[in-house]
Amino acid sequence: MARLDLLPREQLDPELLATLETFERACPDFNPAVFQAMGQNPELSKAFYRFYIPARLNGLLTPKLKELVRLKIAQLNACST
């Protein structure tokens, strides 16, 4: 059960909604709950995604290697989710 109320899609900031829709087009099984929870603080959320998306999609490492690094970090920290 979520500890934060999830905003309905129609109440999301327009920029966050556009970002969510981009994520959903790229990955149809993407869970929108993270956007709905982060929508509680739209300015923080927009700043995060302005940083996160280029870091996730661009850079010197391939997306596959970035994902392997994330998985190894999670394993080293006993994170199962």
N, C-alpha and C. Protein backbone atom coordinates (compact mmCIF):
# COMPACT_ATOMS: atom_id res chain seq x y z
N MET A 1 0.84 -1.18 0.00
CA MET A 1 0.00 0.00 0.00
C MET A 1 0.89 1.25 0.00
N ALA A 2 0.55 2.20 -0.84
CA ALA A 2 1.31 3.44 -0.94
C ALA A 2 1.16 4.27 0.33
N ARG A 3 2.26 4.92 0.71
CA ARG A 3 2.20 5.82 1.86
C ARG A 3 1.85 7.24 1.44
N LEU A 4 1.98 7.50 0.16
CA LEU A 4 1.60 8.80 -0.40
C LEU A 4 0.36 8.61 -1.24
N ASP A 5 -0.51 9.60 -1.21
CA ASP A 5 -1.66 9.55 -2.11
C ASP A 5 -1.18 9.70 -3.54
N LEU A 6 -1.75 8.91 -4.41
CA LEU A 6 -1.40 8.99 -5.82
C LEU A 6 -2.36 9.95 -6.51
N LEU A 7 -1.79 10.97 -7.14
CA LEU A 7 -2.62 11.93 -7.84
C LEU A 7 -3.24 11.28 -9.07
N PRO A 8 -4.49 11.54 -9.34
CA PRO A 8 -5.06 11.08 -10.60
C PRO A 8 -4.30 11.72 -11.77
N ARG A 9 -4.21 11.01 -12.87
CA ARG A 9 -3.46 11.51 -14.03
C ARG A 9 -3.89 12.92 -14.42
N GLU A 10 -5.19 13.18 -14.37
CA GLU A 10 -5.67 14.48 -14.83
C GLU A 10 -5.25 15.63 -13.92
N GLN A 11 -4.72 15.32 -12.73
CA GLN A 11 -4.25 16.37 -11.82
C GLN A 11 -2.73 16.56 -11.87
N LEU A 12 -2.04 15.76 -12.68
CA LEU A 12 -0.59 15.91 -12.80
C LEU A 12 -0.25 17.20 -13.53
N ASP A 13 0.88 17.78 -13.16
CA ASP A 13 1.42 18.94 -13.85
C ASP A 13 1.57 18.57 -15.34
N PRO A 14 1.24 19.48 -16.24
CA PRO A 14 1.31 19.15 -17.68
C PRO A 14 2.68 18.63 -18.14
N GLU A 15 3.77 19.19 -17.60
CA GLU A 15 5.10 18.72 -17.98
C GLU A 15 5.34 17.30 -17.49
N LEU A 16 4.91 17.00 -16.26
CA LEU A 16 5.05 15.64 -15.74
C LEU A 16 4.19 14.66 -16.52
N LEU A 17 2.99 15.07 -16.88
CA LEU A 17 2.11 14.20 -17.65
C LEU A 17 2.73 13.89 -19.01
N ALA A 18 3.32 14.88 -19.65
CA ALA A 18 3.98 14.65 -20.94
C ALA A 18 5.15 13.68 -20.78
N THR A 19 5.91 13.82 -19.71
CA THR A 19 7.03 12.90 -19.45
C THR A 19 6.51 11.49 -19.20
N LEU A 20 5.46 11.38 -18.42
CA LEU A 20 4.85 10.07 -18.16
C LEU A 20 4.40 9.41 -19.46
N GLU A 21 3.74 10.17 -20.30
CA GLU A 21 3.27 9.62 -21.58
C GLU A 21 4.43 9.16 -22.45
N THR A 22 5.55 9.87 -22.40
CA THR A 22 6.76 9.46 -23.13
C THR A 22 7.27 8.14 -22.60
N PHE A 23 7.33 8.00 -21.28
CA PHE A 23 7.75 6.74 -20.66
C PHE A 23 6.82 5.60 -21.08
N GLU A 24 5.53 5.86 -21.07
CA GLU A 24 4.56 4.81 -21.42
C GLU A 24 4.67 4.38 -22.88
N ARG A 25 4.96 5.33 -23.77
CA ARG A 25 5.15 4.96 -25.18
C ARG A 25 6.39 4.09 -25.35
N ALA A 26 7.45 4.42 -24.61
CA ALA A 26 8.70 3.67 -24.73
C ALA A 26 8.61 2.31 -24.06
N CYS A 27 7.79 2.21 -23.01
CA CYS A 27 7.67 0.96 -22.25
C CYS A 27 6.21 0.80 -21.84
N PRO A 28 5.41 0.13 -22.67
CA PRO A 28 3.97 0.03 -22.43
C PRO A 28 3.56 -0.55 -21.07
N ASP A 29 4.41 -1.35 -20.44
CA ASP A 29 4.05 -1.92 -19.14
C ASP A 29 4.58 -1.07 -17.97
N PHE A 30 4.99 0.17 -18.26
CA PHE A 30 5.50 1.07 -17.22
C PHE A 30 4.41 1.39 -16.21
N ASN A 31 4.75 1.35 -14.93
CA ASN A 31 3.80 1.63 -13.86
C ASN A 31 3.78 3.14 -13.58
N PRO A 32 2.66 3.81 -13.80
CA PRO A 32 2.61 5.27 -13.62
C PRO A 32 2.58 5.73 -12.16
N ALA A 33 2.52 4.81 -11.22
CA ALA A 33 2.36 5.20 -9.81
C ALA A 33 3.48 6.10 -9.32
N VAL A 34 4.71 5.90 -9.81
CA VAL A 34 5.81 6.74 -9.35
C VAL A 34 5.57 8.20 -9.75
N PHE A 35 5.05 8.42 -10.96
CA PHE A 35 4.73 9.78 -11.38
C PHE A 35 3.59 10.35 -10.56
N GLN A 36 2.62 9.50 -10.27
CA GLN A 36 1.46 9.96 -9.49
C GLN A 36 1.87 10.32 -8.06
N ALA A 37 2.81 9.58 -7.50
CA ALA A 37 3.30 9.91 -6.15
C ALA A 37 4.18 11.16 -6.19
N MET A 38 5.08 11.22 -7.18
CA MET A 38 5.96 12.38 -7.27
C MET A 38 5.21 13.64 -7.67
N GLY A 39 4.02 13.47 -8.21
CA GLY A 39 3.20 14.61 -8.58
C GLY A 39 2.78 15.45 -7.39
N GLN A 40 2.97 14.92 -6.19
CA GLN A 40 2.67 15.70 -4.98
C GLN A 40 3.57 16.93 -4.88
N ASN A 41 4.78 16.84 -5.46
CA ASN A 41 5.71 17.96 -5.46
C ASN A 41 6.20 18.16 -6.90
N PRO A 42 5.41 18.82 -7.73
CA PRO A 42 5.73 18.88 -9.16
C PRO A 42 7.05 19.57 -9.49
N GLU A 43 7.42 20.60 -8.76
CA GLU A 43 8.67 21.30 -9.09
C GLU A 43 9.88 20.40 -8.83
N LEU A 44 9.87 19.68 -7.72
CA LEU A 44 10.95 18.74 -7.42
C LEU A 44 10.96 17.62 -8.45
N SER A 45 9.81 17.11 -8.79
CA SER A 45 9.71 16.01 -9.75
C SER A 45 10.22 16.43 -11.12
N LYS A 46 9.84 17.61 -11.57
CA LYS A 46 10.30 18.07 -12.89
C LYS A 46 11.81 18.25 -12.89
N ALA A 47 12.37 18.79 -11.81
CA ALA A 47 13.82 18.95 -11.72
C ALA A 47 14.51 17.59 -11.76
N PHE A 48 13.95 16.62 -11.04
CA PHE A 48 14.53 15.28 -11.03
C PHE A 48 14.54 14.69 -12.44
N TYR A 49 13.42 14.74 -13.13
CA TYR A 49 13.36 14.14 -14.46
C TYR A 49 14.20 14.88 -15.48
N ARG A 50 14.40 16.19 -15.31
CA ARG A 50 15.31 16.92 -16.21
C ARG A 50 16.74 16.41 -16.04
N PHE A 51 17.08 15.95 -14.84
CA PHE A 51 18.40 15.34 -14.59
C PHE A 51 18.41 13.87 -15.00
N TYR A 52 17.39 13.12 -14.59
CA TYR A 52 17.39 11.67 -14.73
C TYR A 52 17.34 11.18 -16.17
N ILE A 53 16.48 11.78 -16.98
CA ILE A 53 16.29 11.27 -18.34
C ILE A 53 17.57 11.37 -19.16
N PRO A 54 18.26 12.52 -19.20
CA PRO A 54 19.53 12.53 -19.95
C PRO A 54 20.58 11.58 -19.35
N ALA A 55 20.61 11.47 -18.02
CA ALA A 55 21.58 10.56 -17.41
C ALA A 55 21.27 9.12 -17.76
N ARG A 56 20.02 8.80 -17.84
CA ARG A 56 19.58 7.43 -18.16
C ARG A 56 19.78 7.10 -19.63
N LEU A 57 19.49 8.04 -20.51
CA LEU A 57 19.47 7.75 -21.94
C LEU A 57 20.76 8.12 -22.68
N ASN A 58 21.54 9.03 -22.14
CA ASN A 58 22.75 9.49 -22.82
C ASN A 58 23.98 9.08 -22.03
N GLY A 59 25.13 9.45 -22.51
CA GLY A 59 26.36 9.21 -21.77
C GLY A 59 27.30 8.27 -22.49
N LEU A 60 28.40 7.95 -21.83
CA LEU A 60 29.44 7.14 -22.43
C LEU A 60 29.15 5.64 -22.35
N LEU A 61 28.37 5.23 -21.35
CA LEU A 61 28.08 3.81 -21.17
C LEU A 61 26.83 3.42 -21.96
N THR A 62 26.80 2.20 -22.41
CA THR A 62 25.61 1.72 -23.12
C THR A 62 24.47 1.53 -22.11
N PRO A 63 23.23 1.61 -22.56
CA PRO A 63 22.10 1.37 -21.64
C PRO A 63 22.20 -0.01 -20.97
N LYS A 64 22.66 -1.01 -21.69
CA LYS A 64 22.79 -2.35 -21.12
C LYS A 64 23.79 -2.35 -19.97
N LEU A 65 24.94 -1.69 -20.16
CA LEU A 65 25.94 -1.65 -19.09
C LEU A 65 25.44 -0.85 -17.89
N LYS A 66 24.74 0.25 -18.15
CA LYS A 66 24.17 1.04 -17.04
C LYS A 66 23.22 0.18 -16.21
N GLU A 67 22.39 -0.61 -16.87
CA GLU A 67 21.44 -1.47 -16.15
C GLU A 67 22.18 -2.54 -15.35
N LEU A 68 23.25 -3.11 -15.92
CA LEU A 68 24.04 -4.09 -15.17
C LEU A 68 24.68 -3.46 -13.94
N VAL A 69 25.15 -2.24 -14.06
CA VAL A 69 25.72 -1.53 -12.90
C VAL A 69 24.65 -1.31 -11.85
N ARG A 70 23.45 -0.87 -12.27
CA ARG A 70 22.36 -0.67 -11.31
C ARG A 70 22.01 -1.97 -10.59
N LEU A 71 21.95 -3.06 -11.34
CA LEU A 71 21.64 -4.35 -10.72
C LEU A 71 22.71 -4.78 -9.72
N LYS A 72 23.98 -4.55 -10.06
CA LYS A 72 25.06 -4.92 -9.14
C LYS A 72 25.02 -4.08 -7.88
N ILE A 73 24.76 -2.78 -8.02
CA ILE A 73 24.64 -1.90 -6.85
C ILE A 73 23.49 -2.38 -5.96
N ALA A 74 22.36 -2.72 -6.56
CA ALA A 74 21.22 -3.21 -5.79
C ALA A 74 21.59 -4.49 -5.07
N GLN A 75 22.29 -5.40 -5.76
CA GLN A 75 22.70 -6.66 -5.14
C GLN A 75 23.64 -6.41 -3.97
N LEU A 76 24.60 -5.51 -4.13
CA LEU A 76 25.56 -5.22 -3.06
C LEU A 76 24.89 -4.59 -1.84
N ASN A 77 23.76 -3.93 -2.08
CA ASN A 77 23.02 -3.29 -0.99
C ASN A 77 21.84 -4.10 -0.51
N ALA A 78 21.78 -5.37 -0.93
CA ALA A 78 20.72 -6.29 -0.52
C ALA A 78 19.34 -5.71 -0.83
N CYS A 79 19.22 -5.06 -1.98
CA CYS A 79 17.96 -4.48 -2.42
C CYS A 79 17.31 -5.44 -3.39
N SER A 80 16.13 -5.90 -3.08
CA SER A 80 15.47 -6.90 -3.93
C SER A 80 14.38 -6.31 -4.81
N THR A 81 14.12 -5.00 -4.71
CA THR A 81 13.08 -4.40 -5.55
C THR A 81 13.64 -3.34 -6.46
